[in-house]
Amino acid sequence: RVEDEADVATVVDVIYGTDFSDSNAV
C-alpha cells in the first residue's frame, strides 16, 4: 500500500543508457 492512492504515478517519458541492442544480457 501507498500512503495515498492518488500518489500512484504513471511513467510518461524515459531517458536510458542502453536499449540492449548491442547485447540483450545483463
mmCIF file of all heavy atoms, coordinates in Angstrom:
data_MODEL
# 
_entry.id   MODEL 
# 
loop_
_atom_site.group_PDB 
_atom_site.id 
_atom_site.type_symbol 
_atom_site.label_atom_id 
_atom_site.label_alt_id 
_atom_site.label_comp_id 
_atom_site.label_asym_id 
_atom_site.label_entity_id 
_atom_site.label_seq_id 
_atom_site.pdbx_PDB_ins_code 
_atom_site.Cartn_x 
_atom_site.Cartn_y 
_atom_site.Cartn_z 
_atom_site.occupancy 
_atom_site.B_iso_or_equiv 
_atom_site.pdbx_formal_charge 
_atom_site.auth_seq_id 
_atom_site.auth_comp_id 
_atom_site.auth_asym_id 
_atom_site.auth_atom_id 
_atom_site.pdbx_PDB_model_num 
ATOM 1   N N   . ARG A 1 1  ? 0.832  -1.207  0.000   1.00 0.00 ? 1  ARG A N   1 
ATOM 2   C CA  . ARG A 1 1  ? 0.000  0.000   0.000   1.00 0.00 ? 1  ARG A CA  1 
ATOM 3   C C   . ARG A 1 1  ? 0.864  1.254   0.000   1.00 0.00 ? 1  ARG A C   1 
ATOM 4   O O   . ARG A 1 1  ? 1.940  1.293   0.597   1.00 0.00 ? 1  ARG A O   1 
ATOM 5   C CB  . ARG A 1 1  ? -0.923 0.025   1.221   1.00 0.00 ? 1  ARG A CB  1 
ATOM 6   C CG  . ARG A 1 1  ? -1.928 -1.119  1.261   1.00 0.00 ? 1  ARG A CG  1 
ATOM 7   C CD  . ARG A 1 1  ? -2.865 -0.972  2.432   1.00 0.00 ? 1  ARG A CD  1 
ATOM 8   N NE  . ARG A 1 1  ? -3.861 -2.033  2.458   1.00 0.00 ? 1  ARG A NE  1 
ATOM 9   C CZ  . ARG A 1 1  ? -4.855 -2.117  3.347   1.00 0.00 ? 1  ARG A CZ  1 
ATOM 10  N NH1 . ARG A 1 1  ? -4.962 -1.189  4.302   1.00 0.00 ? 1  ARG A NH1 1 
ATOM 11  N NH2 . ARG A 1 1  ? -5.715 -3.116  3.288   1.00 0.00 ? 1  ARG A NH2 1 
ATOM 12  N N   . VAL A 1 2  ? 0.365  2.297   -0.665  1.00 0.00 ? 2  VAL A N   1 
ATOM 13  C CA  . VAL A 1 2  ? 0.983  3.615   -0.588  1.00 0.00 ? 2  VAL A CA  1 
ATOM 14  C C   . VAL A 1 2  ? 0.178  4.460   0.380   1.00 0.00 ? 2  VAL A C   1 
ATOM 15  O O   . VAL A 1 2  ? -0.977 4.148   0.693   1.00 0.00 ? 2  VAL A O   1 
ATOM 16  C CB  . VAL A 1 2  ? 1.040  4.296   -1.977  1.00 0.00 ? 2  VAL A CB  1 
ATOM 17  C CG1 . VAL A 1 2  ? 1.981  3.546   -2.899  1.00 0.00 ? 2  VAL A CG1 1 
ATOM 18  C CG2 . VAL A 1 2  ? -0.347 4.390   -2.597  1.00 0.00 ? 2  VAL A CG2 1 
ATOM 19  N N   . GLU A 1 3  ? 0.790  5.522   0.863   1.00 0.00 ? 3  GLU A N   1 
ATOM 20  C CA  . GLU A 1 3  ? 0.109  6.379   1.829   1.00 0.00 ? 3  GLU A CA  1 
ATOM 21  C C   . GLU A 1 3  ? -1.202 6.934   1.267   1.00 0.00 ? 3  GLU A C   1 
ATOM 22  O O   . GLU A 1 3  ? -2.200 7.033   1.964   1.00 0.00 ? 3  GLU A O   1 
ATOM 23  C CB  . GLU A 1 3  ? 1.033  7.530   2.237   1.00 0.00 ? 3  GLU A CB  1 
ATOM 24  C CG  . GLU A 1 3  ? 0.431  8.482   3.248   1.00 0.00 ? 3  GLU A CG  1 
ATOM 25  C CD  . GLU A 1 3  ? 1.366  9.626   3.598   1.00 0.00 ? 3  GLU A CD  1 
ATOM 26  O OE1 . GLU A 1 3  ? 2.548  9.588   3.204   1.00 0.00 ? 3  GLU A OE1 1 
ATOM 27  O OE2 . GLU A 1 3  ? 0.897  10.578  4.258   1.00 0.00 ? 3  GLU A OE2 1 
ATOM 28  N N   . ASP A 1 4  ? -1.183 7.291   -0.026  1.00 0.00 ? 4  ASP A N   1 
ATOM 29  C CA  . ASP A 1 4  ? -2.356 7.853   -0.692  1.00 0.00 ? 4  ASP A CA  1 
ATOM 30  C C   . ASP A 1 4  ? -2.399 7.285   -2.106  1.00 0.00 ? 4  ASP A C   1 
ATOM 31  O O   . ASP A 1 4  ? -1.440 7.423   -2.863  1.00 0.00 ? 4  ASP A O   1 
ATOM 32  C CB  . ASP A 1 4  ? -2.248 9.383   -0.725  1.00 0.00 ? 4  ASP A CB  1 
ATOM 33  C CG  . ASP A 1 4  ? -3.486 10.064  -1.284  1.00 0.00 ? 4  ASP A CG  1 
ATOM 34  O OD1 . ASP A 1 4  ? -4.286 9.395   -1.972  1.00 0.00 ? 4  ASP A OD1 1 
ATOM 35  O OD2 . ASP A 1 4  ? -3.641 11.279  -1.047  1.00 0.00 ? 4  ASP A OD2 1 
ATOM 36  N N   . GLU A 1 5  ? -3.491 6.645   -2.486  1.00 0.00 ? 5  GLU A N   1 
ATOM 37  C CA  . GLU A 1 5  ? -3.603 6.042   -3.815  1.00 0.00 ? 5  GLU A CA  1 
ATOM 38  C C   . GLU A 1 5  ? -3.451 7.082   -4.926  1.00 0.00 ? 5  GLU A C   1 
ATOM 39  O O   . GLU A 1 5  ? -3.089 6.740   -6.053  1.00 0.00 ? 5  GLU A O   1 
ATOM 40  C CB  . GLU A 1 5  ? -4.940 5.310   -3.962  1.00 0.00 ? 5  GLU A CB  1 
ATOM 41  C CG  . GLU A 1 5  ? -4.987 3.956   -3.274  1.00 0.00 ? 5  GLU A CG  1 
ATOM 42  C CD  . GLU A 1 5  ? -3.975 2.974   -3.855  1.00 0.00 ? 5  GLU A CD  1 
ATOM 43  O OE1 . GLU A 1 5  ? -3.788 2.963   -5.092  1.00 0.00 ? 5  GLU A OE1 1 
ATOM 44  O OE2 . GLU A 1 5  ? -3.374 2.220   -3.076  1.00 0.00 ? 5  GLU A OE2 1 
ATOM 45  N N   . ALA A 1 6  ? -3.723 8.347   -4.612  1.00 0.00 ? 6  ALA A N   1 
ATOM 46  C CA  . ALA A 1 6  ? -3.541 9.406   -5.609  1.00 0.00 ? 6  ALA A CA  1 
ATOM 47  C C   . ALA A 1 6  ? -2.075 9.619   -5.940  1.00 0.00 ? 6  ALA A C   1 
ATOM 48  O O   . ALA A 1 6  ? -1.747 10.298  -6.919  1.00 0.00 ? 6  ALA A O   1 
ATOM 49  C CB  . ALA A 1 6  ? -4.158 10.712  -5.101  1.00 0.00 ? 6  ALA A CB  1 
ATOM 50  N N   . ASP A 1 7  ? -1.174 9.035   -5.139  1.00 0.00 ? 7  ASP A N   1 
ATOM 51  C CA  . ASP A 1 7  ? 0.253  9.187   -5.381  1.00 0.00 ? 7  ASP A CA  1 
ATOM 52  C C   . ASP A 1 7  ? 0.827  8.096   -6.287  1.00 0.00 ? 7  ASP A C   1 
ATOM 53  O O   . ASP A 1 7  ? 2.039  8.090   -6.544  1.00 0.00 ? 7  ASP A O   1 
ATOM 54  C CB  . ASP A 1 7  ? 1.014  9.184   -4.053  1.00 0.00 ? 7  ASP A CB  1 
ATOM 55  C CG  . ASP A 1 7  ? 0.701  10.407  -3.203  1.00 0.00 ? 7  ASP A CG  1 
ATOM 56  O OD1 . ASP A 1 7  ? 0.280  11.430  -3.776  1.00 0.00 ? 7  ASP A OD1 1 
ATOM 57  O OD2 . ASP A 1 7  ? 0.883  10.340  -1.968  1.00 0.00 ? 7  ASP A OD2 1 
ATOM 58  N N   . VAL A 1 8  ? 0.009  7.176   -6.752  1.00 0.00 ? 8  VAL A N   1 
ATOM 59  C CA  . VAL A 1 8  ? 0.473  6.186   -7.725  1.00 0.00 ? 8  VAL A CA  1 
ATOM 60  C C   . VAL A 1 8  ? 0.631  6.898   -9.066  1.00 0.00 ? 8  VAL A C   1 
ATOM 61  O O   . VAL A 1 8  ? -0.336 7.403   -9.627  1.00 0.00 ? 8  VAL A O   1 
ATOM 62  C CB  . VAL A 1 8  ? -0.503 5.010   -7.847  1.00 0.00 ? 8  VAL A CB  1 
ATOM 63  C CG1 . VAL A 1 8  ? -0.022 4.027   -8.917  1.00 0.00 ? 8  VAL A CG1 1 
ATOM 64  C CG2 . VAL A 1 8  ? -0.661 4.299   -6.505  1.00 0.00 ? 8  VAL A CG2 1 
ATOM 65  N N   . ALA A 1 9  ? 1.867  6.971   -9.553  1.00 0.00 ? 9  ALA A N   1 
ATOM 66  C CA  . ALA A 1 9  ? 2.175  7.783   -10.732 1.00 0.00 ? 9  ALA A CA  1 
ATOM 67  C C   . ALA A 1 9  ? 2.410  6.912   -11.954 1.00 0.00 ? 9  ALA A C   1 
ATOM 68  O O   . ALA A 1 9  ? 2.852  5.761   -11.855 1.00 0.00 ? 9  ALA A O   1 
ATOM 69  C CB  . ALA A 1 9  ? 3.405  8.642   -10.469 1.00 0.00 ? 9  ALA A CB  1 
ATOM 70  N N   . THR A 1 10 ? 2.145  7.478   -13.123 1.00 0.00 ? 10 THR A N   1 
ATOM 71  C CA  . THR A 1 10 ? 2.404  6.831   -14.400 1.00 0.00 ? 10 THR A CA  1 
ATOM 72  C C   . THR A 1 10 ? 3.682  7.376   -15.017 1.00 0.00 ? 10 THR A C   1 
ATOM 73  O O   . THR A 1 10 ? 3.930  8.579   -14.977 1.00 0.00 ? 10 THR A O   1 
ATOM 74  C CB  . THR A 1 10 ? 1.230  7.083   -15.374 1.00 0.00 ? 10 THR A CB  1 
ATOM 75  O OG1 . THR A 1 10 ? 0.046  6.472   -14.860 1.00 0.00 ? 10 THR A OG1 1 
ATOM 76  C CG2 . THR A 1 10 ? 1.525  6.509   -16.751 1.00 0.00 ? 10 THR A CG2 1 
ATOM 77  N N   . VAL A 1 11 ? 4.496  6.497   -15.572 1.00 0.00 ? 11 VAL A N   1 
ATOM 78  C CA  . VAL A 1 11 ? 5.695  6.910   -16.295 1.00 0.00 ? 11 VAL A CA  1 
ATOM 79  C C   . VAL A 1 11 ? 5.282  7.394   -17.683 1.00 0.00 ? 11 VAL A C   1 
ATOM 80  O O   . VAL A 1 11 ? 4.635  6.665   -18.440 1.00 0.00 ? 11 VAL A O   1 
ATOM 81  C CB  . VAL A 1 11 ? 6.707  5.747   -16.408 1.00 0.00 ? 11 VAL A CB  1 
ATOM 82  C CG1 . VAL A 1 11 ? 7.872  6.126   -17.316 1.00 0.00 ? 11 VAL A CG1 1 
ATOM 83  C CG2 . VAL A 1 11 ? 7.206  5.352   -15.022 1.00 0.00 ? 11 VAL A CG2 1 
ATOM 84  N N   . VAL A 1 12 ? 5.638  8.630   -18.009 1.00 0.00 ? 12 VAL A N   1 
ATOM 85  C CA  . VAL A 1 12 ? 5.213  9.229   -19.271 1.00 0.00 ? 12 VAL A CA  1 
ATOM 86  C C   . VAL A 1 12 ? 6.358  9.440   -20.253 1.00 0.00 ? 12 VAL A C   1 
ATOM 87  O O   . VAL A 1 12 ? 6.132  9.718   -21.434 1.00 0.00 ? 12 VAL A O   1 
ATOM 88  C CB  . VAL A 1 12 ? 4.493  10.572  -19.029 1.00 0.00 ? 12 VAL A CB  1 
ATOM 89  C CG1 . VAL A 1 12 ? 3.195  10.348  -18.261 1.00 0.00 ? 12 VAL A CG1 1 
ATOM 90  C CG2 . VAL A 1 12 ? 5.403  11.555  -18.291 1.00 0.00 ? 12 VAL A CG2 1 
ATOM 91  N N   . ASP A 1 13 ? 7.608  9.311   -19.780 1.00 0.00 ? 13 ASP A N   1 
ATOM 92  C CA  . ASP A 1 13 ? 8.745  9.520   -20.666 1.00 0.00 ? 13 ASP A CA  1 
ATOM 93  C C   . ASP A 1 13 ? 9.969  8.893   -20.017 1.00 0.00 ? 13 ASP A C   1 
ATOM 94  O O   . ASP A 1 13 ? 10.020 8.760   -18.785 1.00 0.00 ? 13 ASP A O   1 
ATOM 95  C CB  . ASP A 1 13 ? 8.975  11.017  -20.886 1.00 0.00 ? 13 ASP A CB  1 
ATOM 96  C CG  . ASP A 1 13 ? 9.739  11.323  -22.165 1.00 0.00 ? 13 ASP A CG  1 
ATOM 97  O OD1 . ASP A 1 13 ? 10.216 10.369  -22.813 1.00 0.00 ? 13 ASP A OD1 1 
ATOM 98  O OD2 . ASP A 1 13 ? 9.866  12.505  -22.512 1.00 0.00 ? 13 ASP A OD2 1 
ATOM 99  N N   . VAL A 1 14 ? 10.940 8.477   -20.808 1.00 0.00 ? 14 VAL A N   1 
ATOM 100 C CA  . VAL A 1 14 ? 12.151 7.880   -20.251 1.00 0.00 ? 14 VAL A CA  1 
ATOM 101 C C   . VAL A 1 14 ? 13.384 8.331   -21.020 1.00 0.00 ? 14 VAL A C   1 
ATOM 102 O O   . VAL A 1 14 ? 13.321 8.654   -22.201 1.00 0.00 ? 14 VAL A O   1 
ATOM 103 C CB  . VAL A 1 14 ? 12.096 6.333   -20.248 1.00 0.00 ? 14 VAL A CB  1 
ATOM 104 C CG1 . VAL A 1 14 ? 11.022 5.810   -19.328 1.00 0.00 ? 14 VAL A CG1 1 
ATOM 105 C CG2 . VAL A 1 14 ? 11.910 5.787   -21.656 1.00 0.00 ? 14 VAL A CG2 1 
ATOM 106 N N   . ILE A 1 15 ? 14.501 8.382   -20.328 1.00 0.00 ? 15 ILE A N   1 
ATOM 107 C CA  . ILE A 1 15 ? 15.831 8.532   -20.910 1.00 0.00 ? 15 ILE A CA  1 
ATOM 108 C C   . ILE A 1 15 ? 16.634 7.349   -20.375 1.00 0.00 ? 15 ILE A C   1 
ATOM 109 O O   . ILE A 1 15 ? 16.589 7.074   -19.175 1.00 0.00 ? 15 ILE A O   1 
ATOM 110 C CB  . ILE A 1 15 ? 16.507 9.846   -20.485 1.00 0.00 ? 15 ILE A CB  1 
ATOM 111 C CG1 . ILE A 1 15 ? 15.686 11.061  -20.930 1.00 0.00 ? 15 ILE A CG1 1 
ATOM 112 C CG2 . ILE A 1 15 ? 17.918 9.937   -21.035 1.00 0.00 ? 15 ILE A CG2 1 
ATOM 113 C CD1 . ILE A 1 15 ? 16.195 12.383  -20.362 1.00 0.00 ? 15 ILE A CD1 1 
ATOM 114 N N   . TYR A 1 16 ? 17.366 6.650   -21.234 1.00 0.00 ? 16 TYR A N   1 
ATOM 115 C CA  . TYR A 1 16 ? 18.038 5.448   -20.767 1.00 0.00 ? 16 TYR A CA  1 
ATOM 116 C C   . TYR A 1 16 ? 19.439 5.351   -21.355 1.00 0.00 ? 16 TYR A C   1 
ATOM 117 O O   . TYR A 1 16 ? 19.749 5.920   -22.392 1.00 0.00 ? 16 TYR A O   1 
ATOM 118 C CB  . TYR A 1 16 ? 17.237 4.197   -21.112 1.00 0.00 ? 16 TYR A CB  1 
ATOM 119 C CG  . TYR A 1 16 ? 16.775 4.128   -22.545 1.00 0.00 ? 16 TYR A CG  1 
ATOM 120 C CD1 . TYR A 1 16 ? 17.607 3.633   -23.539 1.00 0.00 ? 16 TYR A CD1 1 
ATOM 121 C CD2 . TYR A 1 16 ? 15.503 4.557   -22.895 1.00 0.00 ? 16 TYR A CD2 1 
ATOM 122 C CE1 . TYR A 1 16 ? 17.181 3.566   -24.855 1.00 0.00 ? 16 TYR A CE1 1 
ATOM 123 C CE2 . TYR A 1 16 ? 15.073 4.499   -24.210 1.00 0.00 ? 16 TYR A CE2 1 
ATOM 124 C CZ  . TYR A 1 16 ? 15.920 3.998   -25.188 1.00 0.00 ? 16 TYR A CZ  1 
ATOM 125 O OH  . TYR A 1 16 ? 15.497 3.930   -26.492 1.00 0.00 ? 16 TYR A OH  1 
ATOM 126 N N   . GLY A 1 17 ? 20.289 4.593   -20.659 1.00 0.00 ? 17 GLY A N   1 
ATOM 127 C CA  . GLY A 1 17 ? 21.670 4.463   -21.069 1.00 0.00 ? 17 GLY A CA  1 
ATOM 128 C C   . GLY A 1 17 ? 21.889 3.453   -22.166 1.00 0.00 ? 17 GLY A C   1 
ATOM 129 O O   . GLY A 1 17 ? 22.871 3.546   -22.905 1.00 0.00 ? 17 GLY A O   1 
ATOM 130 N N   . THR A 1 18 ? 21.008 2.461   -22.275 1.00 0.00 ? 18 THR A N   1 
ATOM 131 C CA  . THR A 1 18 ? 21.102 1.450   -23.327 1.00 0.00 ? 18 THR A CA  1 
ATOM 132 C C   . THR A 1 18 ? 19.728 0.869   -23.605 1.00 0.00 ? 18 THR A C   1 
ATOM 133 O O   . THR A 1 18 ? 18.888 0.807   -22.704 1.00 0.00 ? 18 THR A O   1 
ATOM 134 C CB  . THR A 1 18 ? 22.061 0.310   -22.925 1.00 0.00 ? 18 THR A CB  1 
ATOM 135 O OG1 . THR A 1 18 ? 22.128 -0.652  -23.986 1.00 0.00 ? 18 THR A OG1 1 
ATOM 136 C CG2 . THR A 1 18 ? 21.606 -0.394  -21.652 1.00 0.00 ? 18 THR A CG2 1 
ATOM 137 N N   . ASP A 1 19 ? 19.508 0.472   -24.867 1.00 0.00 ? 19 ASP A N   1 
ATOM 138 C CA  . ASP A 1 19 ? 18.293 -0.283  -25.195 1.00 0.00 ? 19 ASP A CA  1 
ATOM 139 C C   . ASP A 1 19 ? 18.629 -1.754  -25.405 1.00 0.00 ? 19 ASP A C   1 
ATOM 140 O O   . ASP A 1 19 ? 17.793 -2.523  -25.855 1.00 0.00 ? 19 ASP A O   1 
ATOM 141 C CB  . ASP A 1 19 ? 17.584 0.303   -26.417 1.00 0.00 ? 19 ASP A CB  1 
ATOM 142 C CG  . ASP A 1 19 ? 18.413 0.182   -27.688 1.00 0.00 ? 19 ASP A CG  1 
ATOM 143 O OD1 . ASP A 1 19 ? 19.555 -0.324  -27.621 1.00 0.00 ? 19 ASP A OD1 1 
ATOM 144 O OD2 . ASP A 1 19 ? 17.921 0.609   -28.755 1.00 0.00 ? 19 ASP A OD2 1 
ATOM 145 N N   . PHE A 1 20 ? 19.878 -2.133  -25.073 1.00 0.00 ? 20 PHE A N   1 
ATOM 146 C CA  . PHE A 1 20 ? 20.356 -3.514  -25.138 1.00 0.00 ? 20 PHE A CA  1 
ATOM 147 C C   . PHE A 1 20 ? 20.440 -4.055  -26.559 1.00 0.00 ? 20 PHE A C   1 
ATOM 148 O O   . PHE A 1 20 ? 20.554 -5.263  -26.751 1.00 0.00 ? 20 PHE A O   1 
ATOM 149 C CB  . PHE A 1 20 ? 19.488 -4.443  -24.277 1.00 0.00 ? 20 PHE A CB  1 
ATOM 150 C CG  . PHE A 1 20 ? 19.442 -4.034  -22.831 1.00 0.00 ? 20 PHE A CG  1 
ATOM 151 C CD1 . PHE A 1 20 ? 18.384 -3.266  -22.350 1.00 0.00 ? 20 PHE A CD1 1 
ATOM 152 C CD2 . PHE A 1 20 ? 20.459 -4.384  -21.963 1.00 0.00 ? 20 PHE A CD2 1 
ATOM 153 C CE1 . PHE A 1 20 ? 18.351 -2.871  -21.027 1.00 0.00 ? 20 PHE A CE1 1 
ATOM 154 C CE2 . PHE A 1 20 ? 20.431 -3.985  -20.635 1.00 0.00 ? 20 PHE A CE2 1 
ATOM 155 C CZ  . PHE A 1 20 ? 19.377 -3.226  -20.166 1.00 0.00 ? 20 PHE A CZ  1 
ATOM 156 N N   . SER A 1 21 ? 20.424 -3.169  -27.570 1.00 0.00 ? 21 SER A N   1 
ATOM 157 C CA  . SER A 1 21 ? 20.559 -3.636  -28.945 1.00 0.00 ? 21 SER A CA  1 
ATOM 158 C C   . SER A 1 21 ? 21.973 -4.173  -29.193 1.00 0.00 ? 21 SER A C   1 
ATOM 159 O O   . SER A 1 21 ? 22.180 -4.980  -30.109 1.00 0.00 ? 21 SER A O   1 
ATOM 160 C CB  . SER A 1 21 ? 20.236 -2.519  -29.935 1.00 0.00 ? 21 SER A CB  1 
ATOM 161 O OG  . SER A 1 21 ? 21.046 -1.379  -29.700 1.00 0.00 ? 21 SER A OG  1 
ATOM 162 N N   . ASP A 1 22 ? 22.942 -3.731  -28.380 1.00 0.00 ? 22 ASP A N   1 
ATOM 163 C CA  . ASP A 1 22 ? 24.301 -4.261  -28.504 1.00 0.00 ? 22 ASP A CA  1 
ATOM 164 C C   . ASP A 1 22 ? 24.453 -5.602  -27.803 1.00 0.00 ? 22 ASP A C   1 
ATOM 165 O O   . ASP A 1 22 ? 25.310 -6.412  -28.140 1.00 0.00 ? 22 ASP A O   1 
ATOM 166 C CB  . ASP A 1 22 ? 25.319 -3.273  -27.938 1.00 0.00 ? 22 ASP A CB  1 
ATOM 167 C CG  . ASP A 1 22 ? 25.048 -2.913  -26.481 1.00 0.00 ? 22 ASP A CG  1 
ATOM 168 O OD1 . ASP A 1 22 ? 23.910 -3.119  -26.011 1.00 0.00 ? 22 ASP A OD1 1 
ATOM 169 O OD2 . ASP A 1 22 ? 25.976 -2.420  -25.814 1.00 0.00 ? 22 ASP A OD2 1 
ATOM 170 N N   . SER A 1 23 ? 23.586 -5.851  -26.824 1.00 0.00 ? 23 SER A N   1 
ATOM 171 C CA  . SER A 1 23 ? 23.603 -7.108  -26.077 1.00 0.00 ? 23 SER A CA  1 
ATOM 172 C C   . SER A 1 23 ? 22.339 -7.162  -25.243 1.00 0.00 ? 23 SER A C   1 
ATOM 173 O O   . SER A 1 23 ? 22.003 -6.210  -24.548 1.00 0.00 ? 23 SER A O   1 
ATOM 174 C CB  . SER A 1 23 ? 24.822 -7.184  -25.166 1.00 0.00 ? 23 SER A CB  1 
ATOM 175 O OG  . SER A 1 23 ? 24.705 -8.259  -24.270 1.00 0.00 ? 23 SER A OG  1 
ATOM 176 N N   . ASN A 1 24 ? 21.608 -8.297  -25.315 1.00 0.00 ? 24 ASN A N   1 
ATOM 177 C CA  . ASN A 1 24 ? 20.373 -8.375  -24.528 1.00 0.00 ? 24 ASN A CA  1 
ATOM 178 C C   . ASN A 1 24 ? 20.633 -8.941  -23.136 1.00 0.00 ? 24 ASN A C   1 
ATOM 179 O O   . ASN A 1 24 ? 19.718 -9.329  -22.431 1.00 0.00 ? 24 ASN A O   1 
ATOM 180 C CB  . ASN A 1 24 ? 19.316 -9.224  -25.248 1.00 0.00 ? 24 ASN A CB  1 
ATOM 181 C CG  . ASN A 1 24 ? 19.740 -10.679 -25.415 1.00 0.00 ? 24 ASN A CG  1 
ATOM 182 O OD1 . ASN A 1 24 ? 20.789 -11.084 -24.938 1.00 0.00 ? 24 ASN A OD1 1 
ATOM 183 N ND2 . ASN A 1 24 ? 18.909 -11.456 -26.094 1.00 0.00 ? 24 ASN A ND2 1 
ATOM 184 N N   . ALA A 1 25 ? 21.894 -8.970  -22.749 1.00 0.00 ? 25 ALA A N   1 
ATOM 185 C CA  . ALA A 1 25 ? 22.255 -9.560  -21.470 1.00 0.00 ? 25 ALA A CA  1 
ATOM 186 C C   . ALA A 1 25 ? 22.545 -8.492  -20.425 1.00 0.00 ? 25 ALA A C   1 
ATOM 187 O O   . ALA A 1 25 ? 22.967 -7.385  -20.735 1.00 0.00 ? 25 ALA A O   1 
ATOM 188 C CB  . ALA A 1 25 ? 23.481 -10.460 -21.638 1.00 0.00 ? 25 ALA A CB  1 
ATOM 189 N N   . VAL A 1 26 ? 22.285 -8.829  -19.195 1.00 0.00 ? 26 VAL A N   1 
ATOM 190 C CA  . VAL A 1 26 ? 22.725 -8.035  -18.054 1.00 0.00 ? 26 VAL A CA  1 
ATOM 191 C C   . VAL A 1 26 ? 23.712 -8.900  -17.285 1.00 0.00 ? 26 VAL A C   1 
ATOM 192 O O   . VAL A 1 26 ? 23.636 -10.129 -17.358 1.00 0.00 ? 26 VAL A O   1 
ATOM 193 C CB  . VAL A 1 26 ? 21.547 -7.629  -17.156 1.00 0.00 ? 26 VAL A CB  1 
ATOM 194 C CG1 . VAL A 1 26 ? 20.676 -6.615  -17.847 1.00 0.00 ? 26 VAL A CG1 1 
ATOM 195 C CG2 . VAL A 1 26 ? 20.711 -8.838  -16.739 1.00 0.00 ? 26 VAL A CG2 1 
# 
